[in-house]
PDB file of N, CA and C in Angstrom:
ATOM      1  N   MET A   1     105.046 113.825  80.481  1.00  0.00           N
ATOM      2  CA  MET A   1     104.779 113.298  81.804  1.00  0.00           C
ATOM      3  C   MET A   1     103.271 113.119  81.965  1.00  0.00           C
ATOM      4  N   LEU A   2     102.882 111.971  82.462  1.00  0.00           N
ATOM      5  CA  LEU A   2     101.469 111.699  82.703  1.00  0.00           C
ATOM      6  C   LEU A   2     101.138 112.061  84.142  1.00  0.00           C
ATOM      7  N   LYS A   3     100.066 112.799  84.322  1.00  0.00           N
ATOM      8  CA  LYS A   3      99.622 113.153  85.666  1.00  0.00           C
ATOM      9  C   LYS A   3      98.198 112.677  85.861  1.00  0.00           C
ATOM     10  N   ASN A   4      97.899 112.287  87.095  1.00  0.00           N
ATOM     11  CA  ASN A   4      96.551 111.845  87.454  1.00  0.00           C
ATOM     12  C   ASN A   4      96.040 110.755  86.524  1.00  0.00           C
ATOM     13  N   LEU A   5      96.917 109.834  86.187  1.00  0.00           N
ATOM     14  CA  LEU A   5      96.552 108.732  85.307  1.00  0.00           C
ATOM     15  C   LEU A   5      95.796 107.687  86.108  1.00  0.00           C
ATOM     16  N   GLU A   6      94.640 107.301  85.624  1.00  0.00           N
ATOM     17  CA  GLU A   6      93.845 106.266  86.287  1.00  0.00           C
ATOM     18  C   GLU A   6      93.542 105.187  85.278  1.00  0.00           C
ATOM     19  N   LEU A   7      93.975 103.981  85.575  1.00  0.00           N
ATOM     20  CA  LEU A   7      93.700 102.846  84.719  1.00  0.00           C
ATOM     21  C   LEU A   7      92.722 101.936  85.430  1.00  0.00           C
ATOM     22  N   LEU A   8      91.713 101.501  84.726  1.00  0.00           N
ATOM     23  CA  LEU A   8      90.696 100.633  85.309  1.00  0.00           C
ATOM     24  C   LEU A   8      90.717  99.290  84.609  1.00  0.00           C
ATOM     25  N   ALA A   9      90.526  98.243  85.361  1.00  0.00           N
ATOM     26  CA  ALA A   9      90.389  96.900  84.808  1.00  0.00           C
ATOM     27  C   ALA A   9      89.090  96.327  85.338  1.00  0.00           C
ATOM     28  N   HIS A  10      88.271  95.843  84.451  1.00  0.00           N
ATOM     29  CA  HIS A  10      86.986  95.258  84.828  1.00  0.00           C
ATOM     30  C   HIS A  10      87.016  93.765  84.500  1.00  0.00           C
ATOM     31  N   VAL A  11      86.432  92.967  85.374  1.00  0.00           N
ATOM     32  CA  VAL A  11      86.371  91.533  85.144  1.00  0.00           C
ATOM     33  C   VAL A  11      85.030  91.022  85.679  1.00  0.00           C
ATOM     34  N   SER A  12      84.430  90.098  84.970  1.00  0.00           N
ATOM     35  CA  SER A  12      83.193  89.459  85.431  1.00  0.00           C
ATOM     36  C   SER A  12      83.556  88.212  86.216  1.00  0.00           C
ATOM     37  N   ILE A  13      82.898  88.040  87.351  1.00  0.00           N
ATOM     38  CA  ILE A  13      83.134  86.874  88.196  1.00  0.00           C
ATOM     39  C   ILE A  13      81.789  86.231  88.468  1.00  0.00           C
ATOM     40  N   ASP A  14      81.670  84.950  88.130  1.00  0.00           N
ATOM     41  CA  ASP A  14      80.399  84.241  88.278  1.00  0.00           C
ATOM     42  C   ASP A  14      80.091  83.870  89.720  1.00  0.00           C
ATOM     43  N   ASN A  15      81.098  83.608  90.506  1.00  0.00           N
ATOM     44  CA  ASN A  15      80.924  83.107  91.858  1.00  0.00           C
ATOM     45  C   ASN A  15      80.615  84.251  92.816  1.00  0.00           C
ATOM     46  N   GLN A  16      79.587  84.115  93.644  1.00  0.00           N
ATOM     47  CA  GLN A  16      79.254  85.127  94.639  1.00  0.00           C
ATOM     48  C   GLN A  16      80.299  85.191  95.749  1.00  0.00           C
ATOM     49  N   ALA A  17      80.819  84.036  96.171  1.00  0.00           N
ATOM     50  CA  ALA A  17      81.852  84.001  97.211  1.00  0.00           C
ATOM     51  C   ALA A  17      83.195  84.225  96.535  1.00  0.00           C
ATOM     52  N   THR A  18      83.743  85.396  96.700  1.00  0.00           N
ATOM     53  CA  THR A  18      84.965  85.780  96.008  1.00  0.00           C
ATOM     54  C   THR A  18      86.077  86.045  97.006  1.00  0.00           C
ATOM     55  N   THR A  19      87.248  85.507  96.718  1.00  0.00           N
ATOM     56  CA  THR A  19      88.425  85.828  97.515  1.00  0.00           C
ATOM     57  C   THR A  19      89.389  86.607  96.629  1.00  0.00           C
ATOM     58  N   VAL A  20      90.072  87.556  97.231  1.00  0.00           N
ATOM     59  CA  VAL A  20      91.052  88.359  96.510  1.00  0.00           C
ATOM     60  C   VAL A  20      92.300  88.473  97.371  1.00  0.00           C
ATOM     61  N   ASN A  21      93.434  88.159  96.777  1.00  0.00           N
ATOM     62  CA  ASN A  21      94.715  88.363  97.430  1.00  0.00           C
ATOM     63  C   ASN A  21      95.460  89.419  96.635  1.00  0.00           C
ATOM     64  N   ILE A  22      95.894  90.471  97.312  1.00  0.00           N
ATOM     65  CA  ILE A  22      96.591  91.579  96.663  1.00  0.00           C
ATOM     66  C   ILE A  22      97.984  91.679  97.272  1.00  0.00           C
ATOM     67  N   PHE A  23      98.987  91.634  96.420  1.00  0.00           N
ATOM     68  CA  PHE A  23     100.373  91.762  96.847  1.00  0.00           C
ATOM     69  C   PHE A  23     100.952  93.008  96.198  1.00  0.00           C
ATOM     70  N   ILE A  24     101.569  93.860  97.010  1.00  0.00           N
ATOM     71  CA  ILE A  24     102.130  95.108  96.497  1.00  0.00           C
ATOM     72  C   ILE A  24     103.551  95.247  97.020  1.00  0.00           C
ATOM     73  N   ASP A  25     104.477  95.484  96.113  1.00  0.00           N
ATOM     74  CA  ASP A  25     105.857  95.782  96.463  1.00  0.00           C
ATOM     75  C   ASP A  25     106.091  97.243  96.086  1.00  0.00           C
ATOM     76  N   ASN A  26     107.307  97.679  96.026  1.00  0.00           N
ATOM     77  CA  ASN A  26     107.569  99.078  95.697  1.00  0.00           C
ATOM     78  C   ASN A  26     106.922  99.509  94.389  1.00  0.00           C
ATOM     79  N   SER A  27     107.071  98.731  93.333  1.00  0.00           N
ATOM     80  CA  SER A  27     106.490  99.136  92.054  1.00  0.00           C
ATOM     81  C   SER A  27     105.698  98.017  91.380  1.00  0.00           C
ATOM     82  N   VAL A  28     105.590  96.865  92.000  1.00  0.00           N
ATOM     83  CA  VAL A  28     104.920  95.719  91.395  1.00  0.00           C
ATOM     84  C   VAL A  28     103.661  95.385  92.192  1.00  0.00           C
ATOM     85  N   PHE A  29     102.566  95.106  91.469  1.00  0.00           N
ATOM     86  CA  PHE A  29     101.362  94.622  92.135  1.00  0.00           C
ATOM     87  C   PHE A  29     100.888  93.355  91.448  1.00  0.00           C
ATOM     88  N   GLU A  30     100.293  92.464  92.230  1.00  0.00           N
ATOM     89  CA  GLU A  30      99.667  91.254  91.715  1.00  0.00           C
ATOM     90  C   GLU A  30      98.352  91.068  92.449  1.00  0.00           C
ATOM     91  N   ILE A  31      97.311  90.762  91.697  1.00  0.00           N
ATOM     92  CA  ILE A  31      95.978  90.560  92.256  1.00  0.00           C
ATOM     93  C   ILE A  31      95.487  89.193  91.792  1.00  0.00           C
ATOM     94  N   PHE A  32      95.164  88.334  92.753  1.00  0.00           N
ATOM     95  CA  PHE A  32      94.674  86.995  92.456  1.00  0.00           C
ATOM     96  C   PHE A  32      93.231  86.897  92.921  1.00  0.00           C
ATOM     97  N   ILE A  33      92.323  86.632  91.998  1.00  0.00           N
ATOM     98  CA  ILE A  33      90.908  86.503  92.308  1.00  0.00           C
ATOM     99  C   ILE A  33      90.551  85.026  92.315  1.00  0.00           C
ATOM    100  N   ASN A  34      89.864  84.600  93.374  1.00  0.00           N
ATOM    101  CA  ASN A  34      89.465  83.198  93.552  1.00  0.00           C
ATOM    102  C   ASN A  34      90.647  82.253  93.337  1.00  0.00           C
ATOM    103  N   LYS A  35      91.727  82.526  94.060  1.00  0.00           N
ATOM    104  CA  LYS A  35      92.925  81.677  94.068  1.00  0.00           C
ATOM    105  C   LYS A  35      93.517  81.471  92.676  1.00  0.00           C
ATOM    106  N   GLY A  36      93.464  82.513  91.856  1.00  0.00           N
ATOM    107  CA  GLY A  36      94.110  82.455  90.549  1.00  0.00           C
ATOM    108  C   GLY A  36      93.179  82.254  89.371  1.00  0.00           C
ATOM    109  N   GLU A  37      91.867  82.217  89.609  1.00  0.00           N
ATOM    110  CA  GLU A  37      90.916  82.101  88.493  1.00  0.00           C
ATOM    111  C   GLU A  37      91.094  83.275  87.531  1.00  0.00           C
ATOM    112  N   LYS A  38      91.294  84.447  88.098  1.00  0.00           N
ATOM    113  CA  LYS A  38      91.620  85.661  87.336  1.00  0.00           C
ATOM    114  C   LYS A  38      92.841  86.287  87.998  1.00  0.00           C
ATOM    115  N   VAL A  39      93.770  86.786  87.196  1.00  0.00           N
ATOM    116  CA  VAL A  39      95.000  87.363  87.733  1.00  0.00           C
ATOM    117  C   VAL A  39      95.303  88.665  87.005  1.00  0.00           C
ATOM    118  N   PHE A  40      95.680  89.676  87.781  1.00  0.00           N
ATOM    119  CA  PHE A  40      96.149  90.945  87.238  1.00  0.00           C
ATOM    120  C   PHE A  40      97.534  91.206  87.821  1.00  0.00           C
ATOM    121  N   SER A  41      98.427  91.712  87.010  1.00  0.00           N
ATOM    122  CA  SER A  41      99.723  92.119  87.534  1.00  0.00           C
ATOM    123  C   SER A  41     100.221  93.296  86.711  1.00  0.00           C
ATOM    124  N   GLY A  42     101.101  94.051  87.305  1.00  0.00           N
ATOM    125  CA  GLY A  42     101.635  95.199  86.594  1.00  0.00           C
ATOM    126  C   GLY A  42     102.653  95.944  87.426  1.00  0.00           C
ATOM    127  N   ARG A  43     103.140  97.024  86.845  1.00  0.00           N
ATOM    128  CA  ARG A  43     104.104  97.883  87.529  1.00  0.00           C
ATOM    129  C   ARG A  43     103.557  99.294  87.555  1.00  0.00           C
ATOM    130  N   VAL A  44     103.771  99.939  88.651  1.00  0.00           N
ATOM    131  CA  VAL A  44     103.382 101.335  88.799  1.00  0.00           C
ATOM    132  C   VAL A  44     104.538 102.079  89.463  1.00  0.00           C
ATOM    133  N   PHE A  45     104.604 103.352  89.217  1.00  0.00           N
ATOM    134  CA  PHE A  45     105.634 104.182  89.822  1.00  0.00           C
ATOM    135  C   PHE A  45     104.945 105.374  90.471  1.00  0.00           C
ATOM    136  N   PRO A  46     104.371 105.128  91.664  1.00  0.00           N
ATOM    137  CA  PRO A  46     103.565 106.161  92.314  1.00  0.00           C
ATOM    138  C   PRO A  46     104.423 107.278  92.901  1.00  0.00           C
ATOM    139  N   HIS A  47     103.782 108.427  93.064  1.00  0.00           N
ATOM    140  CA  HIS A  47     104.402 109.526  93.793  1.00  0.00           C
ATOM    141  C   HIS A  47     104.297 109.217  95.285  1.00  0.00           C
ATOM    142  N   GLU A  48     105.027 109.921  96.095  1.00  0.00           N
ATOM    143  CA  GLU A  48     105.084 109.639  97.530  1.00  0.00           C
ATOM    144  C   GLU A  48     103.711 109.701  98.197  1.00  0.00           C
ATOM    145  N   ASP A  49     102.839 110.600  97.733  1.00  0.00           N
ATOM    146  CA  ASP A  49     101.520 110.731  98.348  1.00  0.00           C
ATOM    147  C   ASP A  49     100.505 109.717  97.825  1.00  0.00           C
ATOM    148  N   GLN A  50     100.873 108.908  96.850  1.00  0.00           N
ATOM    149  CA  GLN A  50      99.999 107.871  96.310  1.00  0.00           C
ATOM    150  C   GLN A  50     100.367 106.557  96.991  1.00  0.00           C
ATOM    151  N   ASN A  51      99.681 106.258  98.086  1.00  0.00           N
ATOM    152  CA  ASN A  51     100.098 105.127  98.911  1.00  0.00           C
ATOM    153  C   ASN A  51      98.938 104.220  99.311  1.00  0.00           C
ATOM    154  N   GLY A  52      97.952 104.062  98.448  1.00  0.00           N
ATOM    155  CA  GLY A  52      96.828 103.207  98.795  1.00  0.00           C
ATOM    156  C   GLY A  52      96.177 102.609  97.565  1.00  0.00           C
ATOM    157  N   ILE A  53      95.176 101.793  97.804  1.00  0.00           N
ATOM    158  CA  ILE A  53      94.376 101.230  96.726  1.00  0.00           C
ATOM    159  C   ILE A  53      92.911 101.525  97.022  1.00  0.00           C
ATOM    160  N   LEU A  54      92.088 101.472  95.996  1.00  0.00           N
ATOM    161  CA  LEU A  54      90.664 101.733  96.140  1.00  0.00           C
ATOM    162  C   LEU A  54      89.888 100.610  95.480  1.00  0.00           C
ATOM    163  N   ILE A  55      89.000  99.986  96.227  1.00  0.00           N
ATOM    164  CA  ILE A  55      88.089  98.987  95.682  1.00  0.00           C
ATOM    165  C   ILE A  55      86.747  99.673  95.558  1.00  0.00           C
ATOM    166  N   LYS A  56      86.249  99.796  94.318  1.00  0.00           N
ATOM    167  CA  LYS A  56      85.102 100.656  94.041  1.00  0.00           C
ATOM    168  C   LYS A  56      83.742  99.983  94.162  1.00  0.00           C
ATOM    169  N   SER A  57      83.686  98.682  94.363  1.00  0.00           N
ATOM    170  CA  SER A  57      82.371  98.074  94.504  1.00  0.00           C
ATOM    171  C   SER A  57      82.449  96.889  95.460  1.00  0.00           C
ATOM    172  N   GLY A  58      81.295  96.456  95.901  1.00  0.00           N
ATOM    173  CA  GLY A  58      81.231  95.342  96.833  1.00  0.00           C
ATOM    174  C   GLY A  58      81.376  95.820  98.269  1.00  0.00           C
ATOM    175  N   ASN A  59      81.519  94.869  99.148  1.00  0.00           N
ATOM    176  CA  ASN A  59      81.669  95.147 100.578  1.00  0.00           C
ATOM    177  C   ASN A  59      82.922  94.428 101.063  1.00  0.00           C
ATOM    178  N   PRO A  60      84.099  94.919 100.676  1.00  0.00           N
ATOM    179  CA  PRO A  60      85.327  94.178 100.996  1.00  0.00           C
ATOM    180  C   PRO A  60      85.676  94.233 102.476  1.00  0.00           C
ATOM    181  N   THR A  61      86.174  93.121 102.958  1.00  0.00           N
ATOM    182  CA  THR A  61      86.739  93.040 104.302  1.00  0.00           C
ATOM    183  C   THR A  61      88.074  92.327 104.165  1.00  0.00           C
ATOM    184  N   GLY A  62      88.931  92.499 105.140  1.00  0.00           N
ATOM    185  CA  GLY A  62      90.203  91.810 105.033  1.00  0.00           C
ATOM    186  C   GLY A  62      91.172  92.218 106.112  1.00  0.00           C
ATOM    187  N   THR A  63      92.364  91.710 105.966  1.00  0.00           N
ATOM    188  CA  THR A  63      93.437  91.964 106.915  1.00  0.00           C
ATOM    189  C   THR A  63      94.658  92.437 106.156  1.00  0.00           C
ATOM    190  N   TYR A  64      95.311  93.446 106.683  1.00  0.00           N
ATOM    191  CA  TYR A  64      96.526  93.983 106.087  1.00  0.00           C
ATOM    192  C   TYR A  64      97.725  93.388 106.818  1.00  0.00           C
ATOM    193  N   TYR A  65      98.656  92.852 106.063  1.00  0.00           N
ATOM    194  CA  TYR A  65      99.884  92.317 106.633  1.00  0.00           C
ATOM    195  C   TYR A  65     101.062  93.053 106.014  1.00  0.00           C
ATOM    196  N   GLU A  66     101.913  93.613 106.837  1.00  0.00           N
ATOM    197  CA  GLU A  66     103.128  94.236 106.335  1.00  0.00           C
ATOM    198  C   GLU A  66     104.223  93.184 106.372  1.00  0.00           C
ATOM    199  N   LEU A  67     104.848  92.959 105.236  1.00  0.00           N
ATOM    200  CA  LEU A  67     105.859  91.916 105.128  1.00  0.00           C
ATOM    201  C   LEU A  67     107.236  92.486 105.396  1.00  0.00           C
ATOM    202  N   GLU A  68     108.013  91.753 106.140  1.00  0.00           N
ATOM    203  CA  GLU A  68     109.412  92.114 106.375  1.00  0.00           C
ATOM    204  C   GLU A  68     110.240  91.352 105.349  1.00  0.00           C
ATOM    205  N   TYR A  69     111.012  92.066 104.570  1.00  0.00           N
ATOM    206  CA  TYR A  69     111.843  91.399 103.581  1.00  0.00           C
ATOM    207  C   TYR A  69     113.132  92.189 103.416  1.00  0.00           C
ATOM    208  N   GLY A  70     114.034  91.597 102.695  1.00  0.00           N
ATOM    209  CA  GLY A  70     115.318  92.255 102.451  1.00  0.00           C
ATOM    210  C   GLY A  70     116.454  91.366 102.900  1.00  0.00           C
ATOM    211  N   ARG A  71     117.622  91.800 102.565  1.00  0.00           N
ATOM    212  CA  ARG A  71     118.817  91.045 102.938  1.00  0.00           C
ATOM    213  C   ARG A  71     119.124  91.227 104.410  1.00  0.00           C
ATOM    214  N   LYS A  72     119.404  90.148 105.073  1.00  0.00           N
ATOM    215  CA  LYS A  72     119.783  90.218 106.475  1.00  0.00           C
ATOM    216  C   LYS A  72     121.299  90.314 106.563  1.00  0.00           C
ATOM    217  N   THR A  73     121.767  91.119 107.479  1.00  0.00           N
ATOM    218  CA  THR A  73     123.203  91.215 107.692  1.00  0.00           C
ATOM    219  C   THR A  73     123.568  90.514 108.982  1.00  0.00           C
ATOM    220  N   ASN A  74     124.741  89.974 109.019  1.00  0.00           N
ATOM    221  CA  ASN A  74     125.195  89.255 110.227  1.00  0.00           C
ATOM    222  C   ASN A  74     125.788  90.199 111.225  1.00  0.00           C
TER     223      ASN A  74
END
């Protein structure tokens, strides 16, 4: 069993004006930098207390949207 596993991904971006879209589902994440210029995706299986992300550099700003999804019943 792996505990306290931290994986880092580094990428160089030439453009100063950077946009990032991050999509997170139960175990899947996708990160699109500059509308797909760079893309990261993967699967994680976090513990219940692991419920966030950390951006370690820059001055990020943004808006959080909680998506409603699932099967609708009549």
